[in-house]
Every structure is written in C-alpha cells, then in structure tokens.
Amino acid sequence: MYAVVRSGGKQYRVSQGGSVRVERLSGDVGSSITLDDVLMIGGEGADGVKVGTPTVDGAQITGTIVAQGRGDKIRVFKMKRRKGYRRTQGHRQDYTEIRVDEIRG
C-alpha cells in the first residue's frame, strides 16, 4: 500500500515501512507525527486507487520522526556578464526524516 501526501508545498509518495525526508516539521526525534493532507491512496486490493478531491476524507499517515537535520550545502551564484556583477550565496535546507508506520484510509 502506498500514498501520496502533501507536506511543505511538495508532494511525496510514501509506502508503509519506508522513510521520507520532508521540509522541517516541529517535533523531537522519536516522537509520533500524523500527516492529514493525503492526496491519494493506492493498493493491490479490490479497492484499487482512491483519489481525493483534493484530499481523501479520513485518510491519515502515522509515522515516527527518525532525524532532524540539515541538507547538503548548495551554492547560489548570480552573474551579469561584462558588468562586473557577481554574487555567491550558500544555503542549507532543514529537513525532517519520517519513518511511515501506518497508512489509514
């Protein structure tokens, strides 16, 4: 069974027992978290695929926070040719890694 969930303005395909890195969510490592913004649920059973309009009613994804961290550093470089304009900026995005325990819906 799998589901498509929206978190932090992005959509992620998650499956039971798997893990996913989403934008930073509040919570401590080891605590439980519930994601209610489920857009689609799919499975191999007779039900097949349930698509929400825009979300599936009553669907929830329950997981455990495995890690809170920061991603790799990226460099943002701007340049305008022949003008002597150059700007370099670095960025590290915060993330939360979630292990999916249960998909209800």
PDB file of N, CA and C in Angstrom:
ATOM      1  N   MET A   1       0.840  -1.174   0.000  1.00  0.00           N
ATOM      2  CA  MET A   1       0.000   0.000   0.000  1.00  0.00           C
ATOM      3  C   MET A   1       0.888   1.241   0.000  1.00  0.00           C
ATOM      4  N   TYR A   2       0.483   2.235  -0.756  1.00  0.00           N
ATOM      5  CA  TYR A   2       1.235   3.480  -0.823  1.00  0.00           C
ATOM      6  C   TYR A   2       0.270   4.654  -0.802  1.00  0.00           C
ATOM      7  N   ALA A   3       0.826   5.842  -0.605  1.00  0.00           N
ATOM      8  CA  ALA A   3       0.004   7.046  -0.574  1.00  0.00           C
ATOM      9  C   ALA A   3       0.830   8.216  -1.088  1.00  0.00           C
ATOM     10  N   VAL A   4       0.122   9.239  -1.554  1.00  0.00           N
ATOM     11  CA  VAL A   4       0.750  10.498  -1.939  1.00  0.00           C
ATOM     12  C   VAL A   4       0.299  11.529  -0.922  1.00  0.00           C
ATOM     13  N   VAL A   5       1.287  12.165  -0.259  1.00  0.00           N
ATOM     14  CA  VAL A   5       0.986  13.114   0.804  1.00  0.00           C
ATOM     15  C   VAL A   5       1.626  14.453   0.461  1.00  0.00           C
ATOM     16  N   ARG A   6       0.968  15.534   0.880  1.00  0.00           N
ATOM     17  CA  ARG A   6       1.492  16.876   0.646  1.00  0.00           C
ATOM     18  C   ARG A   6       2.023  17.432   1.964  1.00  0.00           C
ATOM     19  N   SER A   7       3.275  17.914   1.920  1.00  0.00           N
ATOM     20  CA  SER A   7       3.890  18.499   3.109  1.00  0.00           C
ATOM     21  C   SER A   7       4.889  19.545   2.662  1.00  0.00           C
ATOM     22  N   GLY A   8       4.797  20.728   3.202  1.00  0.00           N
ATOM     23  CA  GLY A   8       5.734  21.783   2.881  1.00  0.00           C
ATOM     24  C   GLY A   8       5.643  22.269   1.449  1.00  0.00           C
ATOM     25  N   GLY A   9       4.458  22.168   0.838  1.00  0.00           N
ATOM     26  CA  GLY A   9       4.284  22.630  -0.533  1.00  0.00           C
ATOM     27  C   GLY A   9       4.757  21.643  -1.576  1.00  0.00           C
ATOM     28  N   LYS A  10       5.183  20.447  -1.164  1.00  0.00           N
ATOM     29  CA  LYS A  10       5.644  19.432  -2.096  1.00  0.00           C
ATOM     30  C   LYS A  10       4.837  18.157  -1.889  1.00  0.00           C
ATOM     31  N   GLN A  11       4.853  17.278  -2.885  1.00  0.00           N
ATOM     32  CA  GLN A  11       4.143  16.018  -2.798  1.00  0.00           C
ATOM     33  C   GLN A  11       5.144  14.879  -2.744  1.00  0.00           C
ATOM     34  N   TYR A  12       4.869  13.893  -1.874  1.00  0.00           N
ATOM     35  CA  TYR A  12       5.757  12.764  -1.686  1.00  0.00           C
ATOM     36  C   TYR A  12       4.969  11.470  -1.792  1.00  0.00           C
ATOM     37  N   ARG A  13       5.563  10.464  -2.443  1.00  0.00           N
ATOM     38  CA  ARG A  13       4.969   9.133  -2.491  1.00  0.00           C
ATOM     39  C   ARG A  13       5.599   8.327  -1.369  1.00  0.00           C
ATOM     40  N   VAL A  14       4.780   7.846  -0.441  1.00  0.00           N
ATOM     41  CA  VAL A  14       5.273   7.103   0.712  1.00  0.00           C
ATOM     42  C   VAL A  14       4.653   5.722   0.731  1.00  0.00           C
ATOM     43  N   SER A  15       5.381   4.763   1.282  1.00  0.00           N
ATOM     44  CA  SER A  15       4.856   3.420   1.454  1.00  0.00           C
ATOM     45  C   SER A  15       5.074   2.995   2.893  1.00  0.00           C
ATOM     46  N   GLN A  16       4.278   2.054   3.324  1.00  0.00           N
ATOM     47  CA  GLN A  16       4.335   1.622   4.713  1.00  0.00           C
ATOM     48  C   GLN A  16       5.676   0.961   4.990  1.00  0.00           C
ATOM     49  N   GLY A  17       6.339   1.384   6.063  1.00  0.00           N
ATOM     50  CA  GLY A  17       7.644   0.852   6.419  1.00  0.00           C
ATOM     51  C   GLY A  17       8.800   1.633   5.817  1.00  0.00           C
ATOM     52  N   GLY A  18       8.523   2.509   4.864  1.00  0.00           N
ATOM     53  CA  GLY A  18       9.570   3.305   4.228  1.00  0.00           C
ATOM     54  C   GLY A  18       9.814   4.601   4.974  1.00  0.00           C
ATOM     55  N   SER A  19      10.792   5.353   4.503  1.00  0.00           N
ATOM     56  CA  SER A  19      11.075   6.641   5.122  1.00  0.00           C
ATOM     57  C   SER A  19      11.102   7.718   4.053  1.00  0.00           C
ATOM     58  N   VAL A  20      10.859   8.954   4.478  1.00  0.00           N
ATOM     59  CA  VAL A  20      10.803  10.080   3.560  1.00  0.00           C
ATOM     60  C   VAL A  20      11.366  11.311   4.262  1.00  0.00           C
ATOM     61  N   ARG A  21      12.073  12.148   3.490  1.00  0.00           N
ATOM     62  CA  ARG A  21      12.585  13.418   4.010  1.00  0.00           C
ATOM     63  C   ARG A  21      11.683  14.538   3.525  1.00  0.00           C
ATOM     64  N   VAL A  22      11.092  15.264   4.479  1.00  0.00           N
ATOM     65  CA  VAL A  22      10.193  16.368   4.152  1.00  0.00           C
ATOM     66  C   VAL A  22      10.785  17.659   4.700  1.00  0.00           C
ATOM     67  N   GLU A  23      10.173  18.778   4.340  1.00  0.00           N
ATOM     68  CA  GLU A  23      10.586  20.061   4.892  1.00  0.00           C
ATOM     69  C   GLU A  23      10.444  20.014   6.410  1.00  0.00           C
ATOM     70  N   ARG A  24      11.184  20.832   7.102  1.00  0.00           N
ATOM     71  CA  ARG A  24      11.256  20.809   8.568  1.00  0.00           C
ATOM     72  C   ARG A  24       9.875  20.868   9.220  1.00  0.00           C
ATOM     73  N   LEU A  25       9.604  19.912  10.104  1.00  0.00           N
ATOM     74  CA  LEU A  25       8.382  19.877  10.905  1.00  0.00           C
ATOM     75  C   LEU A  25       8.786  19.911  12.373  1.00  0.00           C
ATOM     76  N   SER A  26       7.935  20.484  13.194  1.00  0.00           N
ATOM     77  CA  SER A  26       8.254  20.564  14.621  1.00  0.00           C
ATOM     78  C   SER A  26       8.044  19.205  15.274  1.00  0.00           C
ATOM     79  N   GLY A  27       8.892  18.886  16.220  1.00  0.00           N
ATOM     80  CA  GLY A  27       8.803  17.626  16.940  1.00  0.00           C
ATOM     81  C   GLY A  27      10.184  17.110  17.271  1.00  0.00           C
ATOM     82  N   ASP A  28      10.259  16.268  18.298  1.00  0.00           N
ATOM     83  CA  ASP A  28      11.527  15.700  18.719  1.00  0.00           C
ATOM     84  C   ASP A  28      11.744  14.347  18.041  1.00  0.00           C
ATOM     85  N   VAL A  29      12.996  13.926  17.999  1.00  0.00           N
ATOM     86  CA  VAL A  29      13.332  12.620  17.440  1.00  0.00           C
ATOM     87  C   VAL A  29      12.708  11.539  18.313  1.00  0.00           C
ATOM     88  N   GLY A  30      12.022  10.602  17.689  1.00  0.00           N
ATOM     89  CA  GLY A  30      11.350   9.531  18.413  1.00  0.00           C
ATOM     90  C   GLY A  30       9.884   9.783  18.662  1.00  0.00           C
ATOM     91  N   SER A  31       9.427  11.009  18.454  1.00  0.00           N
ATOM     92  CA  SER A  31       8.012  11.302  18.692  1.00  0.00           C
ATOM     93  C   SER A  31       7.178  10.906  17.480  1.00  0.00           C
ATOM     94  N   SER A  32       5.901  10.727  17.714  1.00  0.00           N
ATOM     95  CA  SER A  32       4.972  10.317  16.659  1.00  0.00           C
ATOM     96  C   SER A  32       4.405  11.549  15.965  1.00  0.00           C
ATOM     97  N   ILE A  33       4.113  11.409  14.677  1.00  0.00           N
ATOM     98  CA  ILE A  33       3.585  12.523  13.899  1.00  0.00           C
ATOM     99  C   ILE A  33       2.491  11.994  12.977  1.00  0.00           C
ATOM    100  N   THR A  34       1.495  12.838  12.726  1.00  0.00           N
ATOM    101  CA  THR A  34       0.381  12.471  11.856  1.00  0.00           C
ATOM    102  C   THR A  34       0.288  13.473  10.721  1.00  0.00           C
ATOM    103  N   LEU A  35       0.232  12.970   9.498  1.00  0.00           N
ATOM    104  CA  LEU A  35       0.062  13.808   8.312  1.00  0.00           C
ATOM    105  C   LEU A  35      -1.359  13.586   7.782  1.00  0.00           C
ATOM    106  N   ASP A  36      -2.147  14.654   7.724  1.00  0.00           N
ATOM    107  CA  ASP A  36      -3.549  14.547   7.325  1.00  0.00           C
ATOM    108  C   ASP A  36      -3.802  14.931   5.875  1.00  0.00           C
ATOM    109  N   ASP A  37      -2.834  15.517   5.223  1.00  0.00           N
ATOM    110  CA  ASP A  37      -3.015  16.049   3.873  1.00  0.00           C
ATOM    111  C   ASP A  37      -2.695  14.973   2.834  1.00  0.00           C
ATOM    112  N   VAL A  38      -3.517  13.908   2.789  1.00  0.00           N
ATOM    113  CA  VAL A  38      -3.304  12.768   1.901  1.00  0.00           C
ATOM    114  C   VAL A  38      -4.078  13.003   0.608  1.00  0.00           C
ATOM    115  N   LEU A  39      -3.376  13.003  -0.521  1.00  0.00           N
ATOM    116  CA  LEU A  39      -3.992  13.291  -1.814  1.00  0.00           C
ATOM    117  C   LEU A  39      -4.475  12.035  -2.531  1.00  0.00           C
ATOM    118  N   MET A  40      -3.802  10.905  -2.306  1.00  0.00           N
ATOM    119  CA  MET A  40      -4.167   9.673  -2.999  1.00  0.00           C
ATOM    120  C   MET A  40      -3.698   8.473  -2.193  1.00  0.00           C
ATOM    121  N   ILE A  41      -4.460   7.391  -2.252  1.00  0.00           N
ATOM    122  CA  ILE A  41      -4.071   6.129  -1.630  1.00  0.00           C
ATOM    123  C   ILE A  41      -4.200   5.048  -2.688  1.00  0.00           C
ATOM    124  N   GLY A  42      -3.183   4.220  -2.802  1.00  0.00           N
ATOM    125  CA  GLY A  42      -3.203   3.130  -3.774  1.00  0.00           C
ATOM    126  C   GLY A  42      -2.827   1.831  -3.113  1.00  0.00           C
ATOM    127  N   GLY A  43      -3.342   0.743  -3.663  1.00  0.00           N
ATOM    128  CA  GLY A  43      -3.039  -0.571  -3.122  1.00  0.00           C
ATOM    129  C   GLY A  43      -3.362  -1.644  -4.131  1.00  0.00           C
ATOM    130  N   GLU A  44      -3.066  -2.896  -3.767  1.00  0.00           N
ATOM    131  CA  GLU A  44      -3.303  -4.002  -4.687  1.00  0.00           C
ATOM    132  C   GLU A  44      -4.662  -4.656  -4.493  1.00  0.00           C
ATOM    133  N   GLY A  45      -5.399  -4.241  -3.489  1.00  0.00           N
ATOM    134  CA  GLY A  45      -6.678  -4.875  -3.193  1.00  0.00           C
ATOM    135  C   GLY A  45      -7.755  -4.539  -4.213  1.00  0.00           C
ATOM    136  N   ALA A  46      -8.984  -4.931  -3.894  1.00  0.00           N
ATOM    137  CA  ALA A  46     -10.117  -4.683  -4.786  1.00  0.00           C
ATOM    138  C   ALA A  46     -10.443  -3.193  -4.868  1.00  0.00           C
ATOM    139  N   ASP A  47     -10.033  -2.443  -3.835  1.00  0.00           N
ATOM    140  CA  ASP A  47     -10.302  -1.009  -3.827  1.00  0.00           C
ATOM    141  C   ASP A  47      -9.538  -0.297  -4.929  1.00  0.00           C
ATOM    142  N   GLY A  48      -8.316  -0.721  -5.163  1.00  0.00           N
ATOM    143  CA  GLY A  48      -7.504  -0.061  -6.184  1.00  0.00           C
ATOM    144  C   GLY A  48      -6.977   1.263  -5.685  1.00  0.00           C
ATOM    145  N   VAL A  49      -7.293   2.325  -6.399  1.00  0.00           N
ATOM    146  CA  VAL A  49      -6.757   3.648  -6.099  1.00  0.00           C
ATOM    147  C   VAL A  49      -7.882   4.567  -5.657  1.00  0.00           C
ATOM    148  N   LYS A  50      -7.657   5.286  -4.553  1.00  0.00           N
ATOM    149  CA  LYS A  50      -8.597   6.320  -4.107  1.00  0.00           C
ATOM    150  C   LYS A  50      -7.937   7.670  -4.324  1.00  0.00           C
ATOM    151  N   VAL A  51      -8.557   8.506  -5.129  1.00  0.00           N
ATOM    152  CA  VAL A  51      -8.034   9.838  -5.408  1.00  0.00           C
ATOM    153  C   VAL A  51      -8.933  10.843  -4.712  1.00  0.00           C
ATOM    154  N   GLY A  52      -8.338  11.765  -3.991  1.00  0.00           N
ATOM    155  CA  GLY A  52      -9.097  12.762  -3.257  1.00  0.00           C
ATOM    156  C   GLY A  52      -9.442  13.963  -4.114  1.00  0.00           C
ATOM    157  N   THR A  53     -10.382  14.753  -3.632  1.00  0.00           N
ATOM    158  CA  THR A  53     -10.783  15.978  -4.331  1.00  0.00           C
ATOM    159  C   THR A  53     -10.783  17.146  -3.354  1.00  0.00           C
ATOM    160  N   PRO A  54      -9.743  17.766  -2.965  1.00  0.00           N
ATOM    161  CA  PRO A  54      -8.339  17.475  -3.264  1.00  0.00           C
ATOM    162  C   PRO A  54      -7.712  16.463  -2.326  1.00  0.00           C
ATOM    163  N   THR A  55      -8.305  16.192  -1.148  1.00  0.00           N
ATOM    164  CA  THR A  55      -7.725  15.208  -0.232  1.00  0.00           C
ATOM    165  C   THR A  55      -8.709  14.067  -0.015  1.00  0.00           C
ATOM    166  N   VAL A  56      -8.189  12.929   0.401  1.00  0.00           N
ATOM    167  CA  VAL A  56      -9.015  11.763   0.708  1.00  0.00           C
ATOM    168  C   VAL A  56      -9.589  11.952   2.106  1.00  0.00           C
ATOM    169  N   ASP A  57     -10.918  11.843   2.223  1.00  0.00           N
ATOM    170  CA  ASP A  57     -11.579  12.059   3.515  1.00  0.00           C
ATOM    171  C   ASP A  57     -11.206  10.956   4.498  1.00  0.00           C
ATOM    172  N   GLY A  58     -10.806  11.361   5.701  1.00  0.00           N
ATOM    173  CA  GLY A  58     -10.498  10.417   6.774  1.00  0.00           C
ATOM    174  C   GLY A  58      -9.163   9.712   6.645  1.00  0.00           C
ATOM    175  N   ALA A  59      -8.383  10.030   5.654  1.00  0.00           N
ATOM    176  CA  ALA A  59      -7.091   9.358   5.468  1.00  0.00           C
ATOM    177  C   ALA A  59      -6.024  10.036   6.315  1.00  0.00           C
ATOM    178  N   GLN A  60      -5.168   9.209   6.904  1.00  0.00           N
ATOM    179  CA  GLN A  60      -4.079   9.717   7.740  1.00  0.00           C
ATOM    180  C   GLN A  60      -2.847   8.850   7.542  1.00  0.00           C
ATOM    181  N   ILE A  61      -1.697   9.470   7.709  1.00  0.00           N
ATOM    182  CA  ILE A  61      -0.437   8.744   7.697  1.00  0.00           C
ATOM    183  C   ILE A  61       0.223   8.989   9.046  1.00  0.00           C
ATOM    184  N   THR A  62       0.520   7.909   9.738  1.00  0.00           N
ATOM    185  CA  THR A  62       1.147   7.989  11.043  1.00  0.00           C
ATOM    186  C   THR A  62       2.597   7.538  10.910  1.00  0.00           C
ATOM    187  N   GLY A  63       3.488   8.312  11.488  1.00  0.00           N
ATOM    188  CA  GLY A  63       4.907   7.978  11.391  1.00  0.00           C
ATOM    189  C   GLY A  63       5.670   8.403  12.619  1.00  0.00           C
ATOM    190  N   THR A  64       6.944   8.065  12.621  1.00  0.00           N
ATOM    191  CA  THR A  64       7.846   8.403  13.706  1.00  0.00           C
ATOM    192  C   THR A  64       8.976   9.259  13.157  1.00  0.00           C
ATOM    193  N   ILE A  65       9.325  10.317  13.877  1.00  0.00           N
ATOM    194  CA  ILE A  65      10.420  11.174  13.454  1.00  0.00           C
ATOM    195  C   ILE A  65      11.736  10.464  13.760  1.00  0.00           C
ATOM    196  N   VAL A  66      12.515  10.206  12.709  1.00  0.00           N
ATOM    197  CA  VAL A  66      13.781   9.492  12.842  1.00  0.00           C
ATOM    198  C   VAL A  66      14.935  10.465  13.025  1.00  0.00           C
ATOM    199  N   ALA A  67      14.896  11.590  12.293  1.00  0.00           N
ATOM    200  CA  ALA A  67      16.010  12.539  12.363  1.00  0.00           C
ATOM    201  C   ALA A  67      15.527  13.936  12.028  1.00  0.00           C
ATOM    202  N   GLN A  68      16.174  14.911  12.646  1.00  0.00           N
ATOM    203  CA  GLN A  68      16.020  16.326  12.296  1.00  0.00           C
ATOM    204  C   GLN A  68      17.406  16.778  11.857  1.00  0.00           C
ATOM    205  N   GLY A  69      17.519  17.321  10.669  1.00  0.00           N
ATOM    206  CA  GLY A  69      18.863  17.679  10.226  1.00  0.00           C
ATOM    207  C   GLY A  69      18.850  18.770   9.180  1.00  0.00           C
ATOM    208  N   ARG A  70      20.023  18.951   8.564  1.00  0.00           N
ATOM    209  CA  ARG A  70      20.174  19.937   7.509  1.00  0.00           C
ATOM    210  C   ARG A  70      20.796  19.245   6.312  1.00  0.00           C
ATOM    211  N   GLY A  71      20.337  19.609   5.133  1.00  0.00           N
ATOM    212  CA  GLY A  71      20.823  19.002   3.906  1.00  0.00           C
ATOM    213  C   GLY A  71      22.196  19.500   3.522  1.00  0.00           C
ATOM    214  N   ASP A  72      22.680  19.025   2.377  1.00  0.00           N
ATOM    215  CA  ASP A  72      23.968  19.455   1.861  1.00  0.00           C
ATOM    216  C   ASP A  72      23.909  20.919   1.456  1.00  0.00           C
ATOM    217  N   LYS A  73      25.068  21.558   1.493  1.00  0.00           N
ATOM    218  CA  LYS A  73      25.140  22.961   1.122  1.00  0.00           C
ATOM    219  C   LYS A  73      25.077  23.109  -0.391  1.00  0.00           C
ATOM    220  N   ILE A  74      24.258  24.052  -0.836  1.00  0.00           N
ATOM    221  CA  ILE A  74      24.219  24.386  -2.253  1.00  0.00           C
ATOM    222  C   ILE A  74      24.729  25.806  -2.417  1.00  0.00           C
ATOM    223  N   ARG A  75      25.276  26.093  -3.566  1.00  0.00           N
ATOM    224  CA  ARG A  75      25.782  27.430  -3.854  1.00  0.00           C
ATOM    225  C   ARG A  75      24.879  28.099  -4.876  1.00  0.00           C
ATOM    226  N   VAL A  76      24.469  29.316  -4.567  1.00  0.00           N
ATOM    227  CA  VAL A  76      23.662  30.128  -5.467  1.00  0.00           C
ATOM    228  C   VAL A  76      24.593  31.185  -6.030  1.00  0.00           C
ATOM    229  N   PHE A  77      24.790  31.173  -7.338  1.00  0.00           N
ATOM    230  CA  PHE A  77      25.732  32.086  -7.982  1.00  0.00           C
ATOM    231  C   PHE A  77      24.998  32.911  -9.024  1.00  0.00           C
ATOM    232  N   LYS A  78      25.089  34.233  -8.891  1.00  0.00           N
ATOM    233  CA  LYS A  78      24.476  35.151  -9.850  1.00  0.00           C
ATOM    234  C   LYS A  78      25.588  35.922 -10.539  1.00  0.00           C
ATOM    235  N   MET A  79      25.428  36.137 -11.838  1.00  0.00           N
ATOM    236  CA  MET A  79      26.436  36.880 -12.574  1.00  0.00           C
ATOM    237  C   MET A  79      25.792  37.569 -13.777  1.00  0.00           C
ATOM    238  N   LYS A  80      26.213  38.797 -14.015  1.00  0.00           N
ATOM    239  CA  LYS A  80      25.806  39.508 -15.223  1.00  0.00           C
ATOM    240  C   LYS A  80      27.068  39.768 -16.023  1.00  0.00           C
ATOM    241  N   ARG A  81      27.105  39.247 -17.199  1.00  0.00           N
ATOM    242  CA  ARG A  81      28.340  39.325 -17.973  1.00  0.00           C
ATOM    243  C   ARG A  81      28.670  40.764 -18.374  1.00  0.00           C
ATOM    244  N   ARG A  82      29.946  41.011 -18.405  1.00  0.00           N
ATOM    245  CA  ARG A  82      30.526  42.300 -18.805  1.00  0.00           C
ATOM    246  C   ARG A  82      30.176  43.453 -17.872  1.00  0.00           C
ATOM    247  N   LYS A  83      29.599  43.194 -16.721  1.00  0.00           N
ATOM    248  CA  LYS A  83      29.203  44.266 -15.798  1.00  0.00           C
ATOM    249  C   LYS A  83      29.983  44.225 -14.493  1.00  0.00           C
ATOM    250  N   GLY A  84      30.748  43.154 -14.264  1.00  0.00           N
ATOM    251  CA  GLY A  84      31.485  43.029 -13.009  1.00  0.00           C
ATOM    252  C   GLY A  84      30.602  42.647 -11.835  1.00  0.00           C
ATOM    253  N   TYR A  85      29.406  42.131 -12.106  1.00  0.00           N
ATOM    254  CA  TYR A  85      28.451  41.769 -11.049  1.00  0.00           C
ATOM    255  C   TYR A  85      28.536  40.267 -10.793  1.00  0.00           C
ATOM    256  N   ARG A  86      28.955  39.915  -9.590  1.00  0.00           N
ATOM    257  CA  ARG A  86      29.000  38.517  -9.177  1.00  0.00           C
ATOM    258  C   ARG A  86      28.577  38.416  -7.726  1.00  0.00           C
ATOM    259  N   ARG A  87      27.686  37.504  -7.425  1.00  0.00           N
ATOM    260  CA  ARG A  87      27.228  37.286  -6.057  1.00  0.00           C
ATOM    261  C   ARG A  87      27.184  35.784  -5.800  1.00  0.00           C
ATOM    262  N   THR A  88      27.753  35.364  -4.687  1.00  0.00           N
ATOM    263  CA  THR A  88      27.714  33.965  -4.284  1.00  0.00           C
ATOM    264  C   THR A  88      27.031  33.883  -2.929  1.00  0.00           C
ATOM    265  N   GLN A  89      26.117  32.941  -2.824  1.00  0.00           N
ATOM    266  CA  GLN A  89      25.391  32.747  -1.571  1.00  0.00           C
ATOM    267  C   GLN A  89      25.253  31.253  -1.333  1.00  0.00           C
ATOM    268  N   GLY A  90      25.379  30.828  -0.085  1.00  0.00           N
ATOM    269  CA  GLY A  90      25.211  29.422   0.261  1.00  0.00           C
ATOM    270  C   GLY A  90      23.888  29.207   0.988  1.00  0.00           C
ATOM    271  N   HIS A  91      23.406  27.950   0.951  1.00  0.00           N
ATOM    272  CA  HIS A  91      22.129  27.636   1.595  1.00  0.00           C
ATOM    273  C   HIS A  91      22.127  26.172   2.013  1.00  0.00           C
ATOM    274  N   ARG A  92      21.619  25.907   3.214  1.00  0.00           N
ATOM    275  CA  ARG A  92      21.387  24.538   3.682  1.00  0.00           C
ATOM    276  C   ARG A  92      19.950  24.439   4.155  1.00  0.00           C
ATOM    277  N   GLN A  93      19.185  23.535   3.565  1.00  0.00           N
ATOM    278  CA  GLN A  93      17.769  23.398   3.881  1.00  0.00           C
ATOM    279  C   GLN A  93      17.575  22.451   5.058  1.00  0.00           C
ATOM    280  N   ASP A  94      16.724  22.833   6.004  1.00  0.00           N
ATOM    281  CA  ASP A  94      16.377  21.966   7.124  1.00  0.00           C
ATOM    282  C   ASP A  94      15.413  20.888   6.651  1.00  0.00           C
ATOM    283  N   TYR A  95      15.527  19.676   7.227  1.00  0.00           N
ATOM    284  CA  TYR A  95      14.620  18.592   6.862  1.00  0.00           C
ATOM    285  C   TYR A  95      14.252  17.780   8.095  1.00  0.00           C
ATOM    286  N   THR A  96      13.178  17.017   7.953  1.00  0.00           N
ATOM    287  CA  THR A  96      12.744  16.059   8.954  1.00  0.00           C
ATOM    288  C   THR A  96      12.590  14.721   8.257  1.00  0.00           C
ATOM    289  N   GLU A  97      13.233  13.697   8.776  1.00  0.00           N
ATOM    290  CA  GLU A  97      13.103  12.361   8.195  1.00  0.00           C
ATOM    291  C   GLU A  97      12.068  11.587   9.004  1.00  0.00           C
ATOM    292  N   ILE A  98      11.085  11.039   8.281  1.00  0.00           N
ATOM    293  CA  ILE A  98       9.958  10.350   8.920  1.00  0.00           C
ATOM    294  C   ILE A  98       9.925   8.901   8.448  1.00  0.00           C
ATOM    295  N   ARG A  99       9.775   7.956   9.383  1.00  0.00           N
ATOM    296  CA  ARG A  99       9.540   6.562   9.042  1.00  0.00           C
ATOM    297  C   ARG A  99       8.028   6.324   9.103  1.00  0.00           C
ATOM    298  N   VAL A 100       7.447   5.849   8.014  1.00  0.00           N
ATOM    299  CA  VAL A 100       5.998   5.673   7.916  1.00  0.00           C
ATOM    300  C   VAL A 100       5.620   4.362   8.605  1.00  0.00           C
ATOM    301  N   ASP A 101       4.776   4.467   9.625  1.00  0.00           N
ATOM    302  CA  ASP A 101       4.345   3.294  10.389  1.00  0.00           C
ATOM    303  C   ASP A 101       3.016   2.752   9.878  1.00  0.00           C
ATOM    304  N   GLU A 102       2.085   3.636   9.539  1.00  0.00           N
ATOM    305  CA  GLU A 102       0.747   3.170   9.163  1.00  0.00           C
ATOM    306  C   GLU A 102       0.103   4.138   8.192  1.00  0.00           C
ATOM    307  N   ILE A 103      -0.616   3.569   7.223  1.00  0.00           N
ATOM    308  CA  ILE A 103      -1.411   4.364   6.279  1.00  0.00           C
ATOM    309  C   ILE A 103      -2.868   3.970   6.501  1.00  0.00           C
ATOM    310  N   ARG A 104      -3.666   4.931   6.951  1.00  0.00           N
ATOM    311  CA  ARG A 104      -5.086   4.664   7.204  1.00  0.00           C
ATOM    312  C   ARG A 104      -5.930   5.400   6.177  1.00  0.00           C
ATOM    313  N   GLY A 105      -6.941   4.754   5.684  1.00  0.00           N
ATOM    314  CA  GLY A 105      -7.816   5.440   4.758  1.00  0.00           C
ATOM    315  C   GLY A 105      -8.732   4.480   4.106  1.00  0.00           C
TER     316      GLY A 105
END
